[in-house]
Amino acid sequence: MAAGTKPNELRNKTDDELLTELAEAKEEKFNLRFQLATNQLDNHARIKAVKQDIARILTVLHERELATVDVAAGTEERAC
């Protein structure tokens, strides 16, 4: 995943695509932390960028989760 992925780009993807990107980003973060510990990391800013990308993905997934809860709650209110 490119550093600085915009939230709008993420919102256009499916949940499966987001989960795949999340797994890839977490793996990249692990590798970067491993490189940092062994003094092989050249670009320290990349760790921050990957963390932000992970947060963006999680935010979009959480927004979708809340939207489905709101829709379900709205249908229950109408049924009563």
N, C-alpha and C. Protein backbone atom coordinates (compact mmCIF):
# COMPACT_ATOMS: atom_id res chain seq x y z
N MET A 1 0.85 -1.17 0.00
CA MET A 1 0.00 0.00 0.00
C MET A 1 0.89 1.23 0.00
N ALA A 2 0.51 2.22 -0.77
CA ALA A 2 1.29 3.45 -0.85
C ALA A 2 1.15 4.26 0.42
N ALA A 3 2.23 4.93 0.76
CA ALA A 3 2.19 5.77 1.95
C ALA A 3 1.25 6.94 1.70
N GLY A 4 0.47 7.26 2.70
CA GLY A 4 -0.44 8.38 2.58
C GLY A 4 -1.66 8.08 1.73
N THR A 5 -2.17 6.88 1.80
CA THR A 5 -3.38 6.54 1.07
C THR A 5 -4.53 7.38 1.60
N LYS A 6 -5.29 7.95 0.70
CA LYS A 6 -6.38 8.82 1.11
C LYS A 6 -7.59 8.01 1.55
N PRO A 7 -8.32 8.51 2.55
CA PRO A 7 -9.50 7.77 3.03
C PRO A 7 -10.54 7.55 1.94
N ASN A 8 -10.68 8.48 1.02
CA ASN A 8 -11.67 8.30 -0.06
C ASN A 8 -11.32 7.10 -0.93
N GLU A 9 -10.02 6.89 -1.15
CA GLU A 9 -9.59 5.73 -1.93
C GLU A 9 -9.94 4.44 -1.18
N LEU A 10 -9.79 4.48 0.13
CA LEU A 10 -10.09 3.29 0.94
C LEU A 10 -11.59 3.02 0.98
N ARG A 11 -12.39 4.06 1.01
CA ARG A 11 -13.85 3.89 1.08
C ARG A 11 -14.41 3.26 -0.18
N ASN A 12 -13.68 3.36 -1.28
CA ASN A 12 -14.14 2.78 -2.55
C ASN A 12 -13.83 1.30 -2.65
N LYS A 13 -13.12 0.76 -1.66
CA LYS A 13 -12.74 -0.65 -1.70
C LYS A 13 -13.70 -1.49 -0.87
N THR A 14 -13.74 -2.78 -1.18
CA THR A 14 -14.59 -3.70 -0.43
C THR A 14 -13.94 -4.04 0.90
N ASP A 15 -14.73 -4.65 1.79
CA ASP A 15 -14.21 -5.05 3.08
C ASP A 15 -13.07 -6.06 2.94
N ASP A 16 -13.21 -6.98 2.01
CA ASP A 16 -12.16 -7.99 1.80
C ASP A 16 -10.85 -7.35 1.35
N GLU A 17 -10.95 -6.37 0.45
CA GLU A 17 -9.76 -5.67 -0.01
C GLU A 17 -9.11 -4.91 1.14
N LEU A 18 -9.94 -4.28 1.97
CA LEU A 18 -9.40 -3.54 3.11
C LEU A 18 -8.72 -4.48 4.10
N LEU A 19 -9.32 -5.62 4.35
CA LEU A 19 -8.71 -6.58 5.28
C LEU A 19 -7.39 -7.11 4.73
N THR A 20 -7.32 -7.29 3.42
CA THR A 20 -6.06 -7.73 2.80
C THR A 20 -5.00 -6.65 2.95
N GLU A 21 -5.37 -5.40 2.68
CA GLU A 21 -4.43 -4.30 2.83
C GLU A 21 -3.99 -4.14 4.28
N LEU A 22 -4.92 -4.35 5.20
CA LEU A 22 -4.59 -4.25 6.62
C LEU A 22 -3.55 -5.30 7.00
N ALA A 23 -3.74 -6.51 6.54
CA ALA A 23 -2.78 -7.58 6.84
C ALA A 23 -1.41 -7.26 6.25
N GLU A 24 -1.40 -6.74 5.02
CA GLU A 24 -0.13 -6.38 4.38
C GLU A 24 0.56 -5.25 5.13
N ALA A 25 -0.21 -4.27 5.57
CA ALA A 25 0.37 -3.15 6.29
C ALA A 25 0.93 -3.59 7.64
N LYS A 26 0.22 -4.47 8.32
CA LYS A 26 0.72 -4.96 9.60
C LYS A 26 2.00 -5.78 9.41
N GLU A 27 2.05 -6.55 8.34
CA GLU A 27 3.26 -7.31 8.05
C GLU A 27 4.43 -6.37 7.74
N GLU A 28 4.15 -5.32 6.97
CA GLU A 28 5.19 -4.34 6.65
C GLU A 28 5.67 -3.64 7.92
N LYS A 29 4.76 -3.30 8.80
CA LYS A 29 5.13 -2.66 10.06
C LYS A 29 6.03 -3.58 10.88
N PHE A 30 5.70 -4.87 10.93
CA PHE A 30 6.53 -5.83 11.65
C PHE A 30 7.94 -5.87 11.05
N ASN A 31 8.01 -5.94 9.72
CA ASN A 31 9.31 -5.99 9.06
C ASN A 31 10.12 -4.72 9.31
N LEU A 32 9.45 -3.57 9.29
CA LEU A 32 10.14 -2.31 9.55
C LEU A 32 10.67 -2.25 10.98
N ARG A 33 9.87 -2.73 11.92
CA ARG A 33 10.32 -2.74 13.31
C ARG A 33 11.50 -3.70 13.49
N PHE A 34 11.49 -4.80 12.78
CA PHE A 34 12.59 -5.75 12.83
C PHE A 34 13.86 -5.10 12.26
N GLN A 35 13.71 -4.39 11.14
CA GLN A 35 14.85 -3.69 10.54
C GLN A 35 15.37 -2.60 11.49
N LEU A 36 14.47 -1.93 12.18
CA LEU A 36 14.87 -0.89 13.12
C LEU A 36 15.70 -1.49 14.25
N ALA A 37 15.27 -2.63 14.75
CA ALA A 37 15.97 -3.28 15.86
C ALA A 37 17.35 -3.78 15.45
N THR A 38 17.52 -4.12 14.18
CA THR A 38 18.81 -4.62 13.71
C THR A 38 19.63 -3.54 13.01
N ASN A 39 19.22 -2.30 13.14
CA ASN A 39 19.92 -1.14 12.55
C ASN A 39 20.06 -1.25 11.04
N GLN A 40 19.05 -1.79 10.38
CA GLN A 40 19.06 -1.89 8.92
C GLN A 40 18.05 -0.94 8.27
N LEU A 41 17.31 -0.20 9.08
CA LEU A 41 16.25 0.65 8.55
C LEU A 41 16.83 1.98 8.08
N ASP A 42 16.56 2.33 6.83
CA ASP A 42 17.06 3.58 6.26
C ASP A 42 16.07 4.71 6.43
N ASN A 43 14.79 4.42 6.24
CA ASN A 43 13.77 5.46 6.25
C ASN A 43 12.88 5.29 7.49
N HIS A 44 13.19 6.02 8.54
CA HIS A 44 12.43 5.90 9.79
C HIS A 44 11.02 6.46 9.66
N ALA A 45 10.81 7.37 8.74
CA ALA A 45 9.49 7.97 8.55
C ALA A 45 8.49 6.96 7.99
N ARG A 46 8.98 5.91 7.39
CA ARG A 46 8.09 4.90 6.81
C ARG A 46 7.26 4.20 7.89
N ILE A 47 7.85 4.04 9.08
CA ILE A 47 7.11 3.41 10.17
C ILE A 47 5.88 4.24 10.51
N LYS A 48 6.05 5.54 10.61
CA LYS A 48 4.92 6.43 10.91
C LYS A 48 3.86 6.37 9.81
N ALA A 49 4.30 6.36 8.57
CA ALA A 49 3.36 6.32 7.44
C ALA A 49 2.55 5.03 7.45
N VAL A 50 3.20 3.92 7.76
CA VAL A 50 2.50 2.63 7.78
C VAL A 50 1.50 2.60 8.94
N LYS A 51 1.90 3.14 10.09
CA LYS A 51 0.97 3.21 11.23
C LYS A 51 -0.26 4.04 10.88
N GLN A 52 -0.05 5.15 10.19
CA GLN A 52 -1.18 6.00 9.79
C GLN A 52 -2.08 5.28 8.79
N ASP A 53 -1.48 4.53 7.88
CA ASP A 53 -2.28 3.77 6.92
C ASP A 53 -3.12 2.71 7.63
N ILE A 54 -2.53 2.05 8.63
CA ILE A 54 -3.27 1.06 9.40
C ILE A 54 -4.45 1.73 10.11
N ALA A 55 -4.21 2.89 10.69
CA ALA A 55 -5.27 3.61 11.39
C ALA A 55 -6.38 4.03 10.42
N ARG A 56 -6.01 4.46 9.23
CA ARG A 56 -7.01 4.85 8.23
C ARG A 56 -7.89 3.66 7.84
N ILE A 57 -7.26 2.52 7.61
CA ILE A 57 -8.02 1.32 7.23
C ILE A 57 -8.97 0.93 8.34
N LEU A 58 -8.47 0.92 9.57
CA LEU A 58 -9.31 0.55 10.71
C LEU A 58 -10.46 1.54 10.89
N THR A 59 -10.21 2.81 10.63
CA THR A 59 -11.25 3.83 10.74
C THR A 59 -12.35 3.59 9.72
N VAL A 60 -11.99 3.31 8.49
CA VAL A 60 -12.98 3.06 7.44
C VAL A 60 -13.80 1.81 7.78
N LEU A 61 -13.13 0.76 8.25
CA LEU A 61 -13.85 -0.46 8.63
C LEU A 61 -14.81 -0.19 9.79
N HIS A 62 -14.38 0.63 10.75
CA HIS A 62 -15.23 0.95 11.89
C HIS A 62 -16.43 1.81 11.45
N GLU A 63 -16.19 2.74 10.53
CA GLU A 63 -17.29 3.56 10.01
C GLU A 63 -18.36 2.67 9.37
N ARG A 64 -17.91 1.68 8.61
CA ARG A 64 -18.86 0.77 7.96
C ARG A 64 -19.62 -0.05 8.99
N GLU A 65 -18.92 -0.47 10.03
CA GLU A 65 -19.56 -1.24 11.09
C GLU A 65 -20.63 -0.40 11.78
N LEU A 66 -20.32 0.85 12.06
CA LEU A 66 -21.29 1.74 12.70
C LEU A 66 -22.47 2.03 11.79
N ALA A 67 -22.21 2.13 10.49
CA ALA A 67 -23.29 2.40 9.55
C ALA A 67 -24.27 1.24 9.51
N THR A 68 -23.78 0.02 9.58
CA THR A 68 -24.69 -1.12 9.57
C THR A 68 -25.46 -1.21 10.87
N VAL A 69 -24.84 -0.83 11.98
CA VAL A 69 -25.54 -0.83 13.27
C VAL A 69 -26.63 0.23 13.26
N ASP A 70 -26.32 1.41 12.72
CA ASP A 70 -27.31 2.49 12.64
C ASP A 70 -28.50 2.09 11.77
N VAL A 71 -28.22 1.43 10.65
CA VAL A 71 -29.29 1.00 9.77
C VAL A 71 -30.15 -0.05 10.47
N ALA A 72 -29.52 -0.97 11.15
CA ALA A 72 -30.27 -2.01 11.87
C ALA A 72 -31.09 -1.40 13.00
N ALA A 73 -30.53 -0.42 13.70
CA ALA A 73 -31.26 0.23 14.79
C ALA A 73 -32.44 1.03 14.22
N GLY A 74 -32.24 1.64 13.07
CA GLY A 74 -33.32 2.40 12.44
C GLY A 74 -34.47 1.52 12.01
N THR A 75 -34.17 0.32 11.57
CA THR A 75 -35.24 -0.61 11.14
C THR A 75 -35.99 -1.13 12.35
N GLU A 76 -35.30 -1.35 13.45
CA GLU A 76 -35.97 -1.84 14.65
C GLU A 76 -36.93 -0.78 15.20
N GLU A 77 -36.54 0.48 15.14
CA GLU A 77 -37.39 1.56 15.65
C GLU A 77 -38.66 1.67 14.81
N ARG A 78 -38.55 1.48 13.51
CA ARG A 78 -39.71 1.58 12.64
C ARG A 78 -40.65 0.40 12.85
N ALA A 79 -40.11 -0.74 13.19
CA ALA A 79 -40.94 -1.93 13.37
C ALA A 79 -41.80 -1.84 14.62
N CYS A 80 -41.35 -1.11 15.61
CA CYS A 80 -42.09 -1.02 16.88
C CYS A 80 -43.32 -0.21 16.75
